[in-house]
């Protein structure tokens, strides 16, 4: 498994653990009727599990599994600058989205909206960068 795939998969499992922990805290607060303000973190829980775990895990496996450029051994997945930029943009964007609920409750809603906009833009850019690198590696079914 390539190094970038290992980083993507390991990071996705960290987000899975954080998402399950936050979800557990939210459900415990609901069941016991404590911490009513914890519900502001529900979007962060969704972002952790949906984007942090599922999408990043899928990108890691796709980078590993997609066909290589040639039949020679070694590093033949092409230039890995785009997927590495994708990894950085994806995680910075996700962290921006995770900070937004805290900013909305602790500081100001305009700052939270700004963080949501930047985070969403970085996520879309990250997926576009990853697809730009991966698309040529997909061979047509009928040639």
N, C-alpha and C. Protein backbone atom coordinates (compact mmCIF):
# COMPACT_ATOMS: atom_id res chain seq x y z
N UNK A 1 0.85 -1.17 0.00
CA UNK A 1 0.00 0.00 0.00
C UNK A 1 0.90 1.24 0.00
N UNK A 2 0.63 2.20 -0.89
CA UNK A 2 1.45 3.42 -0.95
C UNK A 2 1.33 4.25 0.33
N UNK A 3 2.33 5.06 0.57
CA UNK A 3 2.37 5.88 1.78
C UNK A 3 1.16 6.81 1.87
N UNK A 4 0.80 7.44 0.76
CA UNK A 4 -0.34 8.36 0.79
C UNK A 4 -1.63 7.63 1.15
N UNK A 5 -1.81 6.42 0.65
CA UNK A 5 -3.00 5.64 1.00
C UNK A 5 -3.01 5.33 2.49
N UNK A 6 -1.85 4.99 3.03
CA UNK A 6 -1.78 4.71 4.47
C UNK A 6 -2.16 5.95 5.28
N UNK A 7 -1.68 7.13 4.85
CA UNK A 7 -2.02 8.36 5.56
C UNK A 7 -3.52 8.64 5.48
N UNK A 8 -4.10 8.48 4.30
CA UNK A 8 -5.54 8.73 4.14
C UNK A 8 -6.36 7.78 5.00
N UNK A 9 -6.01 6.49 5.00
CA UNK A 9 -6.78 5.51 5.75
C UNK A 9 -6.60 5.71 7.26
N UNK A 10 -5.38 5.96 7.70
CA UNK A 10 -5.16 6.17 9.13
C UNK A 10 -5.86 7.42 9.63
N UNK A 11 -5.80 8.49 8.84
CA UNK A 11 -6.49 9.71 9.23
C UNK A 11 -8.00 9.48 9.27
N UNK A 12 -8.51 8.71 8.33
CA UNK A 12 -9.95 8.43 8.33
C UNK A 12 -10.36 7.67 9.58
N UNK A 13 -9.52 6.76 10.06
CA UNK A 13 -9.86 6.03 11.29
C UNK A 13 -9.79 6.94 12.52
N UNK A 14 -8.91 7.94 12.51
CA UNK A 14 -8.90 8.91 13.60
C UNK A 14 -10.20 9.70 13.62
N UNK A 15 -10.66 10.11 12.43
CA UNK A 15 -11.94 10.82 12.35
C UNK A 15 -13.10 9.91 12.75
N UNK A 16 -13.02 8.63 12.43
CA UNK A 16 -14.07 7.69 12.84
C UNK A 16 -14.15 7.62 14.36
N UNK A 17 -13.00 7.49 15.01
CA UNK A 17 -12.99 7.41 16.47
C UNK A 17 -13.52 8.71 17.09
N UNK A 18 -13.11 9.85 16.55
CA UNK A 18 -13.59 11.13 17.07
C UNK A 18 -15.09 11.28 16.82
N UNK A 19 -15.57 10.86 15.65
CA UNK A 19 -16.99 10.96 15.34
C UNK A 19 -17.83 10.06 16.22
N UNK A 20 -17.37 8.85 16.46
CA UNK A 20 -18.11 7.95 17.35
C UNK A 20 -18.09 8.47 18.79
N UNK A 21 -16.96 9.03 19.22
CA UNK A 21 -16.89 9.59 20.56
C UNK A 21 -17.84 10.77 20.74
N UNK A 22 -17.86 11.65 19.77
CA UNK A 22 -18.76 12.80 19.83
C UNK A 22 -20.22 12.35 19.75
N UNK A 23 -20.50 11.37 18.89
CA UNK A 23 -21.86 10.84 18.80
C UNK A 23 -22.29 10.19 20.11
N UNK A 24 -21.37 9.48 20.76
CA UNK A 24 -21.66 8.87 22.04
C UNK A 24 -21.99 9.94 23.08
N UNK A 25 -21.21 11.01 23.09
CA UNK A 25 -21.46 12.10 24.02
C UNK A 25 -22.82 12.75 23.78
N UNK A 26 -23.17 12.95 22.53
CA UNK A 26 -24.46 13.57 22.19
C UNK A 26 -25.61 12.66 22.61
N UNK A 27 -25.50 11.35 22.33
CA UNK A 27 -26.57 10.43 22.71
C UNK A 27 -26.68 10.26 24.22
N UNK A 28 -25.56 10.25 24.91
CA UNK A 28 -25.58 10.16 26.37
C UNK A 28 -26.25 11.39 26.96
N UNK A 29 -25.93 12.56 26.44
CA UNK A 29 -26.55 13.79 26.92
C UNK A 29 -28.06 13.77 26.66
N UNK A 30 -28.46 13.22 25.53
CA UNK A 30 -29.89 13.15 25.22
C UNK A 30 -30.60 12.17 26.16
N UNK A 31 -29.98 11.01 26.38
CA UNK A 31 -30.59 9.99 27.23
C UNK A 31 -30.70 10.41 28.69
N UNK A 32 -29.70 11.12 29.19
CA UNK A 32 -29.70 11.53 30.59
C UNK A 32 -30.31 12.91 30.81
N UNK A 33 -30.59 13.61 29.72
CA UNK A 33 -31.19 14.94 29.84
C UNK A 33 -30.22 15.98 30.39
N UNK A 34 -28.95 15.82 30.08
CA UNK A 34 -27.94 16.77 30.54
C UNK A 34 -27.30 17.44 29.34
N UNK A 35 -26.55 18.49 29.58
CA UNK A 35 -25.81 19.21 28.54
C UNK A 35 -26.68 19.55 27.32
N UNK A 36 -27.69 20.38 27.47
CA UNK A 36 -28.54 20.70 26.32
C UNK A 36 -27.79 21.42 25.20
N UNK A 37 -26.69 22.09 25.53
CA UNK A 37 -25.93 22.80 24.51
C UNK A 37 -25.07 21.91 23.63
N UNK A 38 -25.03 20.62 23.94
CA UNK A 38 -24.18 19.69 23.17
C UNK A 38 -24.72 19.48 21.76
N UNK A 39 -26.00 19.80 21.56
CA UNK A 39 -26.61 19.57 20.24
C UNK A 39 -26.02 20.47 19.16
N UNK A 40 -25.33 21.52 19.57
CA UNK A 40 -24.69 22.39 18.58
C UNK A 40 -23.56 21.63 17.87
N UNK A 41 -23.10 20.55 18.45
CA UNK A 41 -22.00 19.77 17.87
C UNK A 41 -22.49 18.65 16.95
N UNK A 42 -23.80 18.54 16.73
CA UNK A 42 -24.32 17.50 15.83
C UNK A 42 -23.78 17.65 14.40
N UNK A 43 -23.72 18.85 13.82
CA UNK A 43 -23.11 18.95 12.48
C UNK A 43 -21.65 18.50 12.46
N UNK A 44 -20.91 18.80 13.52
CA UNK A 44 -19.52 18.36 13.58
C UNK A 44 -19.44 16.83 13.59
N UNK A 45 -20.35 16.20 14.31
CA UNK A 45 -20.40 14.73 14.33
C UNK A 45 -20.66 14.17 12.92
N UNK A 46 -21.59 14.78 12.21
CA UNK A 46 -21.90 14.34 10.86
C UNK A 46 -20.70 14.54 9.94
N UNK A 47 -20.03 15.68 10.05
CA UNK A 47 -18.84 15.94 9.22
C UNK A 47 -17.72 14.95 9.53
N UNK A 48 -17.53 14.64 10.80
CA UNK A 48 -16.48 13.69 11.18
C UNK A 48 -16.72 12.33 10.56
N UNK A 49 -17.95 11.85 10.66
CA UNK A 49 -18.23 10.49 10.18
C UNK A 49 -18.38 10.45 8.67
N UNK A 50 -19.11 11.39 8.10
CA UNK A 50 -19.37 11.35 6.66
C UNK A 50 -18.15 11.75 5.84
N UNK A 51 -17.59 12.90 6.12
CA UNK A 51 -16.45 13.38 5.34
C UNK A 51 -15.13 12.81 5.85
N UNK A 52 -14.92 12.94 7.15
CA UNK A 52 -13.65 12.52 7.71
C UNK A 52 -13.37 11.04 7.56
N UNK A 53 -14.40 10.23 7.78
CA UNK A 53 -14.18 8.79 7.71
C UNK A 53 -14.49 8.23 6.33
N UNK A 54 -15.73 8.33 5.90
CA UNK A 54 -16.16 7.62 4.69
C UNK A 54 -15.46 8.13 3.44
N UNK A 55 -15.49 9.42 3.21
CA UNK A 55 -14.92 9.95 1.96
C UNK A 55 -13.40 9.82 1.95
N UNK A 56 -12.76 10.13 3.08
CA UNK A 56 -11.30 10.04 3.10
C UNK A 56 -10.82 8.59 3.01
N UNK A 57 -11.56 7.67 3.62
CA UNK A 57 -11.23 6.25 3.51
C UNK A 57 -11.37 5.80 2.05
N UNK A 58 -12.43 6.25 1.40
CA UNK A 58 -12.65 5.90 0.00
C UNK A 58 -11.53 6.45 -0.88
N UNK A 59 -11.09 7.66 -0.62
CA UNK A 59 -9.99 8.24 -1.41
C UNK A 59 -8.71 7.44 -1.20
N UNK A 60 -8.44 7.02 0.03
CA UNK A 60 -7.24 6.24 0.31
C UNK A 60 -7.24 4.90 -0.40
N UNK A 61 -8.37 4.22 -0.37
CA UNK A 61 -8.47 2.94 -1.05
C UNK A 61 -8.42 3.12 -2.56
N UNK A 62 -9.05 4.16 -3.06
CA UNK A 62 -9.04 4.41 -4.51
C UNK A 62 -7.63 4.69 -5.00
N UNK A 63 -6.87 5.47 -4.25
CA UNK A 63 -5.50 5.76 -4.66
C UNK A 63 -4.68 4.47 -4.72
N UNK A 64 -4.94 3.58 -3.82
CA UNK A 64 -4.22 2.31 -3.75
C UNK A 64 -4.66 1.35 -4.85
N UNK A 65 -5.96 1.25 -5.09
CA UNK A 65 -6.53 0.22 -5.95
C UNK A 65 -6.53 0.58 -7.43
N UNK A 66 -6.68 1.86 -7.76
CA UNK A 66 -6.79 2.22 -9.18
C UNK A 66 -5.58 1.72 -9.95
N UNK A 67 -5.78 1.39 -11.20
CA UNK A 67 -4.68 0.85 -12.02
C UNK A 67 -3.49 1.80 -12.08
N UNK A 68 -2.34 1.20 -12.21
CA UNK A 68 -1.12 1.98 -12.29
C UNK A 68 -0.85 2.38 -13.73
N UNK A 69 0.14 3.24 -13.92
CA UNK A 69 0.44 3.76 -15.25
C UNK A 69 1.11 2.75 -16.15
N UNK A 70 1.88 1.89 -15.63
CA UNK A 70 2.61 0.95 -16.48
C UNK A 70 2.66 -0.42 -15.87
N UNK A 71 3.44 -1.28 -16.48
CA UNK A 71 3.55 -2.64 -15.95
C UNK A 71 4.84 -2.81 -15.16
N UNK A 72 5.64 -1.75 -15.08
CA UNK A 72 6.90 -1.85 -14.35
C UNK A 72 6.65 -1.74 -12.86
N UNK A 73 7.56 -2.26 -12.09
CA UNK A 73 7.46 -2.20 -10.64
C UNK A 73 7.86 -0.81 -10.15
N UNK A 74 7.46 -0.49 -8.93
CA UNK A 74 7.88 0.77 -8.33
C UNK A 74 6.79 1.82 -8.34
N UNK A 75 7.21 3.07 -8.25
CA UNK A 75 6.27 4.20 -8.18
C UNK A 75 5.79 4.55 -9.58
N UNK A 76 4.66 4.03 -9.95
CA UNK A 76 4.13 4.31 -11.27
C UNK A 76 2.67 4.75 -11.21
N UNK A 77 2.32 5.49 -10.18
CA UNK A 77 0.98 6.04 -10.06
C UNK A 77 0.92 7.46 -10.62
N UNK A 78 2.00 7.90 -11.21
CA UNK A 78 2.05 9.24 -11.75
C UNK A 78 2.57 10.21 -10.71
N UNK A 79 2.51 11.48 -11.04
CA UNK A 79 2.93 12.52 -10.12
C UNK A 79 1.96 12.59 -8.95
N UNK A 80 2.46 12.44 -7.73
CA UNK A 80 1.56 12.40 -6.58
C UNK A 80 1.37 13.76 -5.91
N UNK A 81 1.70 14.84 -6.62
CA UNK A 81 1.52 16.18 -6.05
C UNK A 81 0.04 16.50 -5.85
N UNK A 82 -0.79 16.21 -6.83
CA UNK A 82 -2.23 16.51 -6.72
C UNK A 82 -2.89 15.74 -5.58
N UNK A 83 -2.67 14.44 -5.44
CA UNK A 83 -3.30 13.75 -4.30
C UNK A 83 -2.77 14.23 -2.95
N UNK A 84 -1.52 14.62 -2.89
CA UNK A 84 -0.99 15.14 -1.62
C UNK A 84 -1.62 16.50 -1.29
N UNK A 85 -1.76 17.36 -2.29
CA UNK A 85 -2.47 18.62 -2.08
C UNK A 85 -3.93 18.37 -1.69
N UNK A 86 -4.50 17.35 -2.29
CA UNK A 86 -5.87 16.98 -1.96
C UNK A 86 -5.99 16.58 -0.49
N UNK A 87 -5.03 15.80 -0.01
CA UNK A 87 -5.03 15.36 1.40
C UNK A 87 -4.96 16.57 2.33
N UNK A 88 -4.08 17.50 2.03
CA UNK A 88 -3.92 18.69 2.89
C UNK A 88 -5.18 19.55 2.84
N UNK A 89 -5.67 19.83 1.63
CA UNK A 89 -6.87 20.66 1.50
C UNK A 89 -8.08 20.02 2.16
N UNK A 90 -8.20 18.70 2.01
CA UNK A 90 -9.34 17.99 2.59
C UNK A 90 -9.34 18.13 4.11
N UNK A 91 -8.19 17.91 4.73
CA UNK A 91 -8.14 17.94 6.19
C UNK A 91 -8.23 19.35 6.75
N UNK A 92 -7.65 20.33 6.07
CA UNK A 92 -7.79 21.72 6.52
C UNK A 92 -9.24 22.16 6.37
N UNK A 93 -9.87 21.80 5.25
CA UNK A 93 -11.28 22.14 5.05
C UNK A 93 -12.18 21.49 6.08
N UNK A 94 -11.90 20.24 6.40
CA UNK A 94 -12.71 19.54 7.40
C UNK A 94 -12.52 20.16 8.78
N UNK A 95 -11.31 20.55 9.12
CA UNK A 95 -11.09 21.21 10.40
C UNK A 95 -11.81 22.55 10.47
N UNK A 96 -11.87 23.27 9.35
CA UNK A 96 -12.65 24.52 9.31
C UNK A 96 -14.12 24.24 9.57
N UNK A 97 -14.65 23.20 8.96
CA UNK A 97 -16.05 22.84 9.18
C UNK A 97 -16.30 22.40 10.61
N UNK A 98 -15.32 21.75 11.22
CA UNK A 98 -15.48 21.30 12.60
C UNK A 98 -15.42 22.45 13.60
N UNK A 99 -14.68 23.49 13.27
CA UNK A 99 -14.57 24.65 14.16
C UNK A 99 -15.79 25.56 14.07
N UNK A 100 -16.54 25.49 12.99
CA UNK A 100 -17.65 26.41 12.77
C UNK A 100 -18.71 26.36 13.88
N UNK A 101 -19.17 25.18 14.35
CA UNK A 101 -20.17 25.20 15.43
C UNK A 101 -19.65 25.85 16.72
N UNK A 102 -18.39 25.62 17.02
CA UNK A 102 -17.81 26.23 18.22
C UNK A 102 -17.76 27.75 18.05
N UNK A 103 -17.35 28.20 16.87
CA UNK A 103 -17.30 29.65 16.63
C UNK A 103 -18.68 30.29 16.71
N UNK A 104 -19.69 29.58 16.22
CA UNK A 104 -21.05 30.12 16.23
C UNK A 104 -21.55 30.30 17.67
N UNK A 105 -21.19 29.36 18.54
CA UNK A 105 -21.69 29.46 19.92
C UNK A 105 -20.79 30.30 20.81
N UNK A 106 -19.49 30.31 20.55
CA UNK A 106 -18.57 31.00 21.45
C UNK A 106 -18.18 32.40 20.99
N UNK A 107 -18.25 32.65 19.70
CA UNK A 107 -17.73 33.92 19.23
C UNK A 107 -18.76 34.67 18.41
N UNK A 108 -18.88 34.36 17.11
CA UNK A 108 -19.85 35.09 16.29
C UNK A 108 -20.31 34.21 15.13
N UNK A 109 -21.54 34.41 14.74
CA UNK A 109 -22.08 33.66 13.61
C UNK A 109 -21.45 34.02 12.27
N UNK A 110 -21.08 35.29 12.03
CA UNK A 110 -20.39 35.58 10.76
C UNK A 110 -19.05 34.85 10.63
N UNK A 111 -18.33 34.72 11.72
CA UNK A 111 -17.06 33.97 11.67
C UNK A 111 -17.33 32.50 11.36
N UNK A 112 -18.38 31.96 11.95
CA UNK A 112 -18.73 30.57 11.68
C UNK A 112 -19.14 30.39 10.22
N UNK A 113 -19.89 31.34 9.68
CA UNK A 113 -20.28 31.26 8.27
C UNK A 113 -19.06 31.32 7.37
N UNK A 114 -18.10 32.15 7.73
CA UNK A 114 -16.87 32.25 6.94
C UNK A 114 -16.11 30.93 6.99
N UNK A 115 -16.00 30.33 8.17
CA UNK A 115 -15.31 29.05 8.28
C UNK A 115 -16.04 27.96 7.50
N UNK A 116 -17.38 27.99 7.51
CA UNK A 116 -18.14 27.03 6.71
C UNK A 116 -17.85 27.21 5.23
N UNK A 117 -17.81 28.44 4.77
CA UNK A 117 -17.56 28.70 3.35
C UNK A 117 -16.16 28.24 2.95
N UNK A 118 -15.16 28.59 3.75
CA UNK A 118 -13.79 28.19 3.44
C UNK A 118 -13.64 26.67 3.51
N UNK A 119 -14.21 26.06 4.54
CA UNK A 119 -14.12 24.62 4.68
C UNK A 119 -14.78 23.87 3.54
N UNK A 120 -15.97 24.30 3.15
CA UNK A 120 -16.66 23.65 2.03
C UNK A 120 -15.91 23.82 0.72
N UNK A 121 -15.37 25.01 0.51
CA UNK A 121 -14.59 25.26 -0.71
C UNK A 121 -13.35 24.38 -0.76
N UNK A 122 -12.65 24.25 0.37
CA UNK A 122 -11.46 23.40 0.40
C UNK A 122 -11.80 21.93 0.18
N UNK A 123 -12.94 21.49 0.71
CA UNK A 123 -13.35 20.09 0.48
C UNK A 123 -13.63 19.83 -1.00
N UNK A 124 -14.35 20.75 -1.63
CA UNK A 124 -14.64 20.59 -3.06
C UNK A 124 -13.35 20.63 -3.87
N UNK A 125 -12.45 21.54 -3.53
CA UNK A 125 -11.16 21.62 -4.22
C UNK A 125 -10.37 20.33 -4.03
N UNK A 126 -10.39 19.78 -2.83
CA UNK A 126 -9.65 18.54 -2.56
C UNK A 126 -10.18 17.39 -3.40
N UNK A 127 -11.49 17.26 -3.48
CA UNK A 127 -12.06 16.18 -4.29
C UNK A 127 -11.76 16.40 -5.76
N UNK A 128 -11.81 17.65 -6.22
CA UNK A 128 -11.49 17.94 -7.62
C UNK A 128 -10.02 17.60 -7.93
N UNK A 129 -9.11 17.94 -7.03
CA UNK A 129 -7.71 17.60 -7.22
C UNK A 129 -7.50 16.09 -7.28
N UNK A 130 -8.18 15.39 -6.38
CA UNK A 130 -8.04 13.93 -6.36
C UNK A 130 -8.59 13.32 -7.64
N UNK A 131 -9.75 13.77 -8.08
CA UNK A 131 -10.33 13.23 -9.31
C UNK A 131 -9.50 13.57 -10.54
N UNK A 132 -8.88 14.75 -10.54
CA UNK A 132 -8.01 15.13 -11.66
C UNK A 132 -6.84 14.16 -11.78
N UNK A 133 -6.32 13.73 -10.66
CA UNK A 133 -5.22 12.77 -10.68
C UNK A 133 -5.71 11.36 -11.01
N UNK A 134 -6.87 10.99 -10.49
CA UNK A 134 -7.34 9.61 -10.61
C UNK A 134 -8.00 9.31 -11.96
N UNK A 135 -8.61 10.30 -12.58
CA UNK A 135 -9.38 10.05 -13.80
C UNK A 135 -8.58 9.39 -14.92
N UNK A 136 -7.36 9.84 -15.22
CA UNK A 136 -6.60 9.18 -16.30
C UNK A 136 -6.20 7.75 -15.97
N UNK A 137 -6.22 7.39 -14.71
CA UNK A 137 -5.84 6.04 -14.32
C UNK A 137 -6.97 5.02 -14.53
N UNK A 138 -8.15 5.51 -14.83
CA UNK A 138 -9.28 4.62 -15.06
C UNK A 138 -9.32 4.29 -16.55
N UNK A 139 -9.17 3.03 -16.87
CA UNK A 139 -9.17 2.60 -18.25
C UNK A 139 -10.60 2.41 -18.74
N UNK A 140 -10.87 2.77 -19.98
CA UNK A 140 -12.22 2.54 -20.49
C UNK A 140 -12.53 1.05 -20.60
N UNK A 141 -13.80 0.73 -20.40
CA UNK A 141 -14.22 -0.67 -20.45
C UNK A 141 -14.08 -1.25 -21.87
N UNK A 142 -14.55 -0.49 -22.83
CA UNK A 142 -14.46 -0.94 -24.23
C UNK A 142 -13.40 -0.11 -24.94
N UNK A 143 -12.39 -0.77 -25.43
CA UNK A 143 -11.35 -0.06 -26.17
C UNK A 143 -11.22 -0.58 -27.57
